C-alpha atoms as a PDB file:
ATOM      1  CA  MET A   1     -10.006 -67.140   5.836  1.00  0.00           C
ATOM      2  CA  LEU A   2      -7.525 -65.056   3.918  1.00  0.00           C
ATOM      3  CA  ARG A   3      -5.523 -67.164   1.477  1.00  0.00           C
ATOM      4  CA  LEU A   4      -2.649 -65.697  -0.468  1.00  0.00           C
ATOM      5  CA  GLY A   5      -0.869 -67.364  -3.336  1.00  0.00           C
ATOM      6  CA  ALA A   6       2.764 -66.976  -4.305  1.00  0.00           C
ATOM      7  CA  GLY A   7       1.995 -64.153  -6.735  1.00  0.00           C
ATOM      8  CA  GLU A   8       0.166 -62.101  -4.134  1.00  0.00           C
ATOM      9  CA  LEU A   9       2.960 -62.610  -1.585  1.00  0.00           C
ATOM     10  CA  ILE A  10       5.566 -61.417  -4.076  1.00  0.00           C
ATOM     11  CA  VAL A  11       3.527 -58.305  -4.863  1.00  0.00           C
ATOM     12  CA  LEU A  12       3.119 -57.565  -1.138  1.00  0.00           C
ATOM     13  CA  LEU A  13       6.847 -58.017  -0.542  1.00  0.00           C
ATOM     14  CA  ILE A  14       7.678 -55.603  -3.359  1.00  0.00           C
ATOM     15  CA  ILE A  15       5.216 -53.038  -1.976  1.00  0.00           C
ATOM     16  CA  PHE A  16       6.721 -53.362   1.524  1.00  0.00           C
ATOM     17  CA  LEU A  17      10.220 -52.949   0.078  1.00  0.00           C
ATOM     18  CA  VAL A  18       9.225 -49.783  -1.759  1.00  0.00           C
ATOM     19  CA  VAL A  19       7.324 -48.274   1.179  1.00  0.00           C
ATOM     20  CA  PHE A  20       9.583 -49.189   4.123  1.00  0.00           C
ATOM     21  CA  GLY A  21      12.937 -49.917   2.514  1.00  0.00           C
ATOM     22  CA  PRO A  22      15.104 -53.001   3.007  1.00  0.00           C
ATOM     23  CA  SER A  23      16.689 -51.795   6.254  1.00  0.00           C
ATOM     24  CA  LYS A  24      13.399 -51.643   8.196  1.00  0.00           C
ATOM     25  CA  LEU A  25      11.849 -54.913   6.982  1.00  0.00           C
ATOM     26  CA  PRO A  26      13.517 -57.189   9.586  1.00  0.00           C
ATOM     27  CA  ALA A  27      12.334 -54.974  12.451  1.00  0.00           C
ATOM     28  CA  ILE A  28       8.807 -54.831  11.043  1.00  0.00           C
ATOM     29  CA  GLY A  29       8.740 -58.624  10.597  1.00  0.00           C
ATOM     30  CA  ARG A  30       9.973 -59.144  14.154  1.00  0.00           C
ATOM     31  CA  THR A  31       7.303 -56.792  15.524  1.00  0.00           C
ATOM     32  CA  ILE A  32       4.527 -58.509  13.575  1.00  0.00           C
ATOM     33  CA  GLY A  33       5.779 -61.937  14.674  1.00  0.00           C
ATOM     34  CA  ASN A  34       5.832 -60.906  18.332  1.00  0.00           C
ATOM     35  CA  ALA A  35       2.335 -59.436  18.067  1.00  0.00           C
ATOM     36  CA  LEU A  36       0.974 -62.617  16.475  1.00  0.00           C
ATOM     37  CA  GLY A  37       2.625 -64.730  19.169  1.00  0.00           C
ATOM     38  CA  GLU A  38       1.055 -62.638  21.925  1.00  0.00           C
ATOM     39  CA  PHE A  39      -2.316 -62.830  20.208  1.00  0.00           C
ATOM     40  CA  LYS A  40      -2.127 -66.630  19.975  1.00  0.00           C
ATOM     41  CA  LYS A  41      -1.084 -66.864  23.610  1.00  0.00           C
ATOM     42  CA  ALA A  42      -4.021 -64.691  24.692  1.00  0.00           C
ATOM     43  CA  ALA A  43      -6.442 -66.679  22.538  1.00  0.00           C
ATOM     44  CA  LYS A  44      -5.271 -69.965  24.076  1.00  0.00           C
ATOM     45  CA  GLY A  45      -5.631 -68.469  27.551  1.00  0.00           C
ATOM     46  CA  MET A  46      -9.189 -67.368  26.844  1.00  0.00           C
ATOM     47  CA  GLU A  47     -10.009 -70.760  25.340  1.00  0.00           C
ATOM     48  CA  ALA A  48      -8.644 -72.571  28.395  1.00  0.00           C
ATOM     49  CA  GLY A  49     -10.602 -70.234  30.675  1.00  0.00           C
ATOM     50  CA  GLN A  50     -13.835 -70.956  28.845  1.00  0.00           C
ATOM     51  CA  GLU A  51     -13.238 -74.719  29.008  1.00  0.00           C
ATOM     52  CA  SER A  52     -12.651 -74.586  32.762  1.00  0.00           C
ATOM     53  CA  GLU A  53     -15.852 -72.542  33.233  1.00  0.00           C
ATOM     54  CA  GLN A  54     -17.849 -75.096  31.251  1.00  0.00           C
ATOM     55  CA  GLU A  55     -16.493 -77.950  33.395  1.00  0.00           C
ATOM     56  CA  SER A  56     -17.540 -76.206  36.609  1.00  0.00           C
END
């Protein structure tokens, strides 16, 4: 699994600030958060579907 320390997170934040600018960062963060939430929801749905198939 990908593990990032504090130093790496700071470097990434600085790169994002330079590339996208401070005005777009909240929108980008919101979009990424929504995408991750949808991905987790879909993964839980698939997991529940597989469990119900195994019980049958």
